[in-house]
């Protein structure tokens, strides 16, 4: 039985135990993680926390809607049992009608057909690190190997344990200027999230310095089970010129090669980023975004036009 449960009565211990024991568990789905990144969230729960489906939501006027929060690439159904398309559909049908709009990313193990639902396919890239570094390096593209050769001539060094704020500052001075959807509060949330994960001992932060000890690039990796997620990074013009991010990713791959680990690049649908991630030999996997417009006429039509042209 799937039941809808409000946030305040969720049993956090049972919820997190479900994520721990899930066949498809991801760090994004822990209750403490959701508390940090969501405005509000309720959930669908199957039986005694055998399966869970977080529902981040917001309110605008009289309209309630689910949304995909920043810093969580995939959510959807997490289960201690084997999942199939029928069970995913059962959860989707159980989302209460009070949510007039649904826009949420399922996870890559939420296999679902196109049975009268609107889904978009997204790309992610992952790299299996259990091979010897030499073998992993051979799978790099010729362009990446060339960039690494150039980087090694630029007197770069990797520093572990750099402050999370330094990575955020790099991003804000660079790509952050182009992303209008990122607000001041989102950066505060990110900073709190990164520090909380570091306090739990579940992350590694890396920086690349030049010969003058200037920080050129940085990255934050979150550890969950056998997966490291490339959660956030920052670069600079000087870092791009010095190929610092190539140098950083190569350092990470070398450090954790021959271990039973996966490097999850966390994206991307962006062609340039997808090319960069795949150039390290990462393989593409897919996950879906589920969308439903339950608004009444004529708001439903107006929203569809807005979504198409935004």
Protein backbone atom coordinates (compact mmCIF):
# COMPACT_ATOMS: atom_id res chain seq x y z
CA UNK A 1 0.00 0.00 0.00
CA UNK A 2 1.28 3.45 -0.96
CA UNK A 3 0.27 6.28 1.35
CA UNK A 4 0.81 10.02 1.24
CA UNK A 5 2.61 11.30 4.34
CA UNK A 6 3.24 14.88 5.41
CA UNK A 7 6.74 15.95 6.36
CA UNK A 8 6.22 16.35 10.11
CA UNK A 9 5.11 12.75 10.70
CA UNK A 10 7.76 11.00 8.61
CA UNK A 11 9.85 8.59 10.68
CA UNK A 12 13.34 9.85 9.83
CA UNK A 13 15.12 6.76 11.12
CA UNK A 14 12.99 4.41 9.01
CA UNK A 15 13.23 6.74 6.00
CA UNK A 16 17.03 6.90 6.07
CA UNK A 17 17.26 3.16 6.71
CA UNK A 18 15.23 2.65 3.54
CA UNK A 19 17.72 4.75 1.59
CA UNK A 20 20.61 2.84 3.18
CA UNK A 21 19.12 -0.48 2.09
CA UNK A 22 17.69 0.61 -1.27
CA UNK A 23 18.83 -1.13 -4.40
CA UNK A 24 19.07 2.35 -5.97
CA UNK A 25 19.86 4.60 -2.97
CA UNK A 26 21.32 8.06 -3.62
CA UNK A 27 22.55 10.62 -1.11
CA UNK A 28 20.01 13.16 -2.41
CA UNK A 29 17.17 11.16 -0.85
CA UNK A 30 18.28 11.18 2.79
CA UNK A 31 15.94 13.12 5.05
CA UNK A 32 18.72 15.44 6.26
CA UNK A 33 19.73 16.20 2.67
CA UNK A 34 16.15 16.97 1.65
CA UNK A 35 15.70 19.19 4.71
CA UNK A 36 18.66 21.30 3.60
CA UNK A 37 17.76 21.74 -0.08
CA UNK A 38 13.94 21.81 -0.12
CA UNK A 39 11.58 24.63 0.80
CA UNK A 40 9.15 21.94 1.95
CA UNK A 41 8.75 18.25 1.20
CA UNK A 42 6.19 15.55 1.82
CA UNK A 43 6.36 11.97 0.58
CA UNK A 44 4.80 8.79 -0.70
CA UNK A 45 5.66 5.74 1.41
CA UNK A 46 4.98 2.10 0.60
CA UNK A 47 4.04 -0.18 3.51
CA UNK A 48 6.49 0.19 6.41
CA UNK A 49 9.08 2.28 4.52
CA UNK A 50 9.84 -0.47 2.00
CA UNK A 51 9.85 2.20 -0.70
CA UNK A 52 9.80 5.99 -0.53
CA UNK A 53 9.23 8.85 -2.97
CA UNK A 54 10.07 12.38 -1.74
CA UNK A 55 7.85 15.19 -3.03
CA UNK A 56 9.53 18.61 -2.77
CA UNK A 57 6.86 21.26 -3.19
CA UNK A 58 6.18 24.98 -3.21
CA UNK A 59 3.12 27.19 -3.11
CA UNK A 60 2.34 30.13 -5.34
CA UNK A 61 -0.95 31.75 -4.42
CA UNK A 62 -3.50 28.96 -4.28
CA UNK A 63 -1.39 26.63 -6.46
CA UNK A 64 0.78 23.89 -4.97
CA UNK A 65 3.36 22.24 -7.22
CA UNK A 66 6.24 19.79 -6.98
CA UNK A 67 9.64 20.78 -8.30
CA UNK A 68 13.18 19.47 -8.64
CA UNK A 69 15.37 21.25 -6.07
CA UNK A 70 18.86 22.46 -6.89
CA UNK A 71 21.71 20.15 -5.82
CA UNK A 72 19.68 16.95 -6.26
CA UNK A 73 19.96 15.57 -9.76
CA UNK A 74 17.70 12.55 -9.28
CA UNK A 75 14.88 11.67 -6.88
CA UNK A 76 11.87 9.48 -7.63
CA UNK A 77 11.22 6.06 -6.05
CA UNK A 78 13.81 4.44 -3.80
CA UNK A 79 13.11 0.89 -2.76
CA UNK A 80 14.48 -2.07 -0.82
CA UNK A 81 12.71 -4.26 -3.37
CA UNK A 82 13.24 -4.72 -7.10
CA UNK A 83 11.52 -1.95 -9.06
CA UNK A 84 9.59 -2.29 -12.31
CA UNK A 85 7.57 0.02 -14.52
CA UNK A 86 4.22 -0.93 -12.97
CA UNK A 87 5.39 0.02 -9.48
CA UNK A 88 6.76 3.36 -10.68
CA UNK A 89 3.42 4.08 -12.35
CA UNK A 90 1.62 3.17 -9.11
CA UNK A 91 3.65 5.79 -7.24
CA UNK A 92 3.02 8.42 -9.90
CA UNK A 93 -0.73 7.75 -9.76
CA UNK A 94 -0.58 8.14 -5.96
CA UNK A 95 0.69 11.74 -6.12
CA UNK A 96 -2.16 13.76 -4.60
CA UNK A 97 -4.31 15.83 -6.94
CA UNK A 98 -3.65 18.94 -4.86
CA UNK A 99 -0.33 19.30 -6.68
CA UNK A 100 -1.47 21.15 -9.79
CA UNK A 101 1.91 20.89 -11.47
CA UNK A 102 4.43 18.05 -11.19
CA UNK A 103 7.97 18.49 -12.45
CA UNK A 104 10.42 16.09 -10.87
CA UNK A 105 13.37 13.97 -11.90
CA UNK A 106 13.08 10.23 -11.40
CA UNK A 107 16.28 8.24 -10.91
CA UNK A 108 18.06 6.07 -13.42
CA UNK A 109 16.61 2.89 -11.86
CA UNK A 110 13.03 4.14 -12.22
CA UNK A 111 12.34 2.35 -15.47
CA UNK A 112 9.09 3.62 -16.89
CA UNK A 113 7.32 3.42 -20.22
CA UNK A 114 5.45 6.26 -21.88
CA UNK A 115 2.04 5.11 -20.71
CA UNK A 116 0.04 8.34 -21.05
CA UNK A 117 2.64 10.38 -19.16
CA UNK A 118 4.93 13.22 -20.19
CA UNK A 119 8.61 12.40 -19.66
CA UNK A 120 11.83 13.98 -20.82
CA UNK A 121 15.03 11.95 -21.11
CA UNK A 122 18.14 13.36 -19.42
CA UNK A 123 21.78 12.34 -19.68
CA UNK A 124 24.22 11.49 -16.93
CA UNK A 125 27.79 10.16 -17.17
CA UNK A 126 29.47 7.69 -14.82
CA UNK A 127 32.94 6.16 -14.72
CA UNK A 128 33.77 2.81 -13.14
CA UNK A 129 37.05 3.26 -11.25
CA UNK A 130 37.80 -0.34 -10.33
CA UNK A 131 40.30 -0.66 -13.21
CA UNK A 132 44.03 0.11 -13.14
CA UNK A 133 44.81 3.78 -13.83
CA UNK A 134 46.74 2.90 -16.98
CA UNK A 135 43.65 1.22 -18.43
CA UNK A 136 41.42 4.13 -17.39
CA UNK A 137 43.84 6.62 -18.94
CA UNK A 138 43.83 4.72 -22.23
CA UNK A 139 40.07 5.31 -22.43
CA UNK A 140 40.54 9.10 -22.28
CA UNK A 141 39.92 10.90 -25.55
CA UNK A 142 42.96 12.09 -27.48
CA UNK A 143 41.92 15.68 -26.76
CA UNK A 144 41.80 15.04 -23.01
CA UNK A 145 45.19 13.34 -23.04
CA UNK A 146 46.56 16.33 -24.96
CA UNK A 147 45.08 18.78 -22.43
CA UNK A 148 46.52 16.78 -19.54
CA UNK A 149 49.95 16.83 -21.14
CA UNK A 150 49.67 20.62 -21.40
CA UNK A 151 48.41 20.92 -17.81
CA UNK A 152 51.38 18.99 -16.45
CA UNK A 153 53.68 21.64 -17.93
CA UNK A 154 51.89 24.47 -16.10
CA UNK A 155 53.31 23.75 -12.61
CA UNK A 156 49.93 22.91 -11.12
CA UNK A 157 49.34 21.25 -7.75
CA UNK A 158 46.22 19.68 -6.26
CA UNK A 159 45.27 20.67 -2.71
CA UNK A 160 42.85 18.54 -0.72
CA UNK A 161 40.42 19.94 1.84
CA UNK A 162 39.97 23.45 0.48
CA UNK A 163 37.07 25.43 2.05
CA UNK A 164 33.74 24.96 0.31
CA UNK A 165 33.25 28.72 0.11
CA UNK A 166 36.36 29.02 -2.08
CA UNK A 167 34.78 26.72 -4.67
CA UNK A 168 31.51 28.66 -4.55
CA UNK A 169 33.38 31.95 -4.97
CA UNK A 170 35.17 30.62 -8.05
CA UNK A 171 31.84 29.60 -9.56
CA UNK A 172 30.13 32.92 -8.76
CA UNK A 173 32.89 34.93 -10.42
CA UNK A 174 32.68 32.73 -13.52
CA UNK A 175 29.65 30.73 -14.68
CA UNK A 176 27.49 32.07 -11.87
CA UNK A 177 27.21 35.38 -13.68
CA UNK A 178 25.38 33.61 -16.53
CA UNK A 179 22.91 31.59 -14.44
CA UNK A 180 19.99 33.84 -13.52
CA UNK A 181 18.10 31.05 -11.78
CA UNK A 182 20.72 30.92 -9.01
CA UNK A 183 19.75 33.35 -6.27
CA UNK A 184 21.62 34.50 -3.17
CA UNK A 185 19.63 32.10 -1.02
CA UNK A 186 20.63 29.18 -3.27
CA UNK A 187 24.30 29.91 -2.66
CA UNK A 188 23.65 30.02 1.09
CA UNK A 189 21.87 26.67 0.85
CA UNK A 190 24.76 25.20 -1.12
CA UNK A 191 27.29 26.43 1.44
CA UNK A 192 25.31 24.93 4.31
CA UNK A 193 24.88 21.67 2.41
CA UNK A 194 28.57 21.32 1.55
CA UNK A 195 29.67 22.07 5.12
CA UNK A 196 27.11 19.65 6.54
CA UNK A 197 28.32 16.87 4.26
CA UNK A 198 31.95 17.63 5.17
CA UNK A 199 31.03 17.47 8.87
CA UNK A 200 29.59 14.01 8.22
CA UNK A 201 32.87 12.95 6.60
CA UNK A 202 31.06 12.14 3.36
CA UNK A 203 32.87 14.45 0.94
CA UNK A 204 36.23 15.47 -0.48
CA UNK A 205 37.00 18.97 -1.73
CA UNK A 206 39.88 19.51 -4.16
CA UNK A 207 41.53 22.64 -5.49
CA UNK A 208 44.15 23.28 -8.17
CA UNK A 209 46.78 25.94 -7.46
CA UNK A 210 49.27 27.50 -9.84
CA UNK A 211 52.97 28.09 -9.15
CA UNK A 212 52.06 31.24 -7.18
CA UNK A 213 49.64 29.30 -4.95
CA UNK A 214 46.63 30.98 -6.58
CA UNK A 215 43.47 28.86 -6.64
CA UNK A 216 42.49 28.24 -10.27
CA UNK A 217 39.77 25.59 -9.97
CA UNK A 218 37.96 23.55 -7.35
CA UNK A 219 35.54 20.66 -7.06
CA UNK A 220 33.37 19.04 -4.39
CA UNK A 221 32.70 15.28 -4.44
CA UNK A 222 30.05 13.64 -2.23
CA UNK A 223 30.57 10.03 -1.13
CA UNK A 224 27.66 7.61 -0.76
CA UNK A 225 28.26 3.86 -0.63
CA UNK A 226 30.50 3.12 -3.63
CA UNK A 227 29.68 6.33 -5.49
CA UNK A 228 31.40 9.70 -5.57
CA UNK A 229 29.15 12.42 -6.99
CA UNK A 230 30.78 15.42 -8.68
CA UNK A 231 28.33 17.75 -6.95
CA UNK A 232 29.79 21.18 -7.60
CA UNK A 233 32.81 22.89 -9.13
CA UNK A 234 34.28 26.28 -9.88
CA UNK A 235 36.78 27.39 -12.48
CA UNK A 236 38.44 30.62 -13.60
CA UNK A 237 39.74 32.07 -16.83
CA UNK A 238 43.26 31.28 -15.65
CA UNK A 239 42.14 27.78 -14.75
CA UNK A 240 40.73 27.16 -18.21
CA UNK A 241 43.92 28.41 -19.83
CA UNK A 242 46.00 26.13 -17.59
CA UNK A 243 43.65 23.13 -18.13
CA UNK A 244 43.20 22.98 -14.35
CA UNK A 245 39.89 21.06 -14.36
CA UNK A 246 41.40 18.34 -16.58
CA UNK A 247 44.25 18.14 -14.08
CA UNK A 248 41.84 17.91 -11.13
CA UNK A 249 39.64 15.17 -12.60
CA UNK A 250 42.68 13.17 -13.64
CA UNK A 251 44.06 13.46 -10.08
CA UNK A 252 40.77 12.12 -8.68
CA UNK A 253 40.69 9.21 -11.14
CA UNK A 254 44.31 8.33 -10.41
CA UNK A 255 43.75 8.56 -6.63
CA UNK A 256 40.72 6.23 -6.62
CA UNK A 257 41.62 3.87 -9.46
CA UNK A 258 41.60 0.16 -8.66
CA UNK A 259 38.85 0.71 -6.08
CA UNK A 260 35.26 -0.49 -6.17
CA UNK A 261 33.98 3.02 -6.82
CA UNK A 262 31.95 4.93 -9.37
CA UNK A 263 32.62 8.53 -10.30
CA UNK A 264 29.24 10.09 -11.03
CA UNK A 265 29.73 13.27 -13.08
CA UNK A 266 26.11 14.33 -12.40
CA UNK A 267 25.19 15.31 -15.95
CA UNK A 268 24.81 16.71 -18.38
CA UNK A 269 22.22 17.65 -21.01
CA UNK A 270 24.58 20.48 -21.92
CA UNK A 271 26.50 19.33 -24.99
CA UNK A 272 29.80 20.90 -23.92
CA UNK A 273 29.73 19.39 -20.43
CA UNK A 274 28.62 16.02 -21.79
CA UNK A 275 31.58 16.01 -24.16
CA UNK A 276 33.95 16.93 -21.30
CA UNK A 277 32.67 14.14 -19.01
CA UNK A 278 32.59 11.50 -21.72
CA UNK A 279 36.17 12.43 -22.71
CA UNK A 280 37.36 10.71 -19.51
CA UNK A 281 35.85 7.43 -20.69
CA UNK A 282 32.60 7.89 -18.76
CA UNK A 283 29.55 6.06 -20.09
CA UNK A 284 26.16 7.65 -20.64
CA UNK A 285 23.14 6.61 -18.59
CA UNK A 286 19.65 8.05 -18.71
CA UNK A 287 17.07 9.20 -16.23
CA UNK A 288 13.68 10.79 -16.84
CA UNK A 289 11.89 13.94 -15.78
CA UNK A 290 8.19 13.38 -15.14
CA UNK A 291 5.91 16.31 -15.87
CA UNK A 292 2.16 16.71 -15.40
CA UNK A 293 -0.02 19.79 -15.85
CA UNK A 294 -3.15 19.47 -13.70
CA UNK A 295 -4.09 23.15 -13.77
CA UNK A 296 -7.64 24.02 -14.67
CA UNK A 297 -8.56 25.77 -17.94
CA UNK A 298 -7.31 28.27 -19.09
CA UNK A 299 -4.30 28.29 -16.73
CA UNK A 300 -3.22 24.88 -18.02
CA UNK A 301 -2.93 26.21 -21.59
CA UNK A 302 -1.19 29.41 -20.51
CA UNK A 303 1.37 27.42 -18.54
CA UNK A 304 2.07 25.09 -21.45
CA UNK A 305 2.80 28.09 -23.66
CA UNK A 306 5.05 29.58 -20.98
CA UNK A 307 6.93 26.28 -20.55
CA UNK A 308 7.45 25.94 -24.28
CA UNK A 309 8.97 29.36 -24.80
CA UNK A 310 10.79 30.07 -21.52
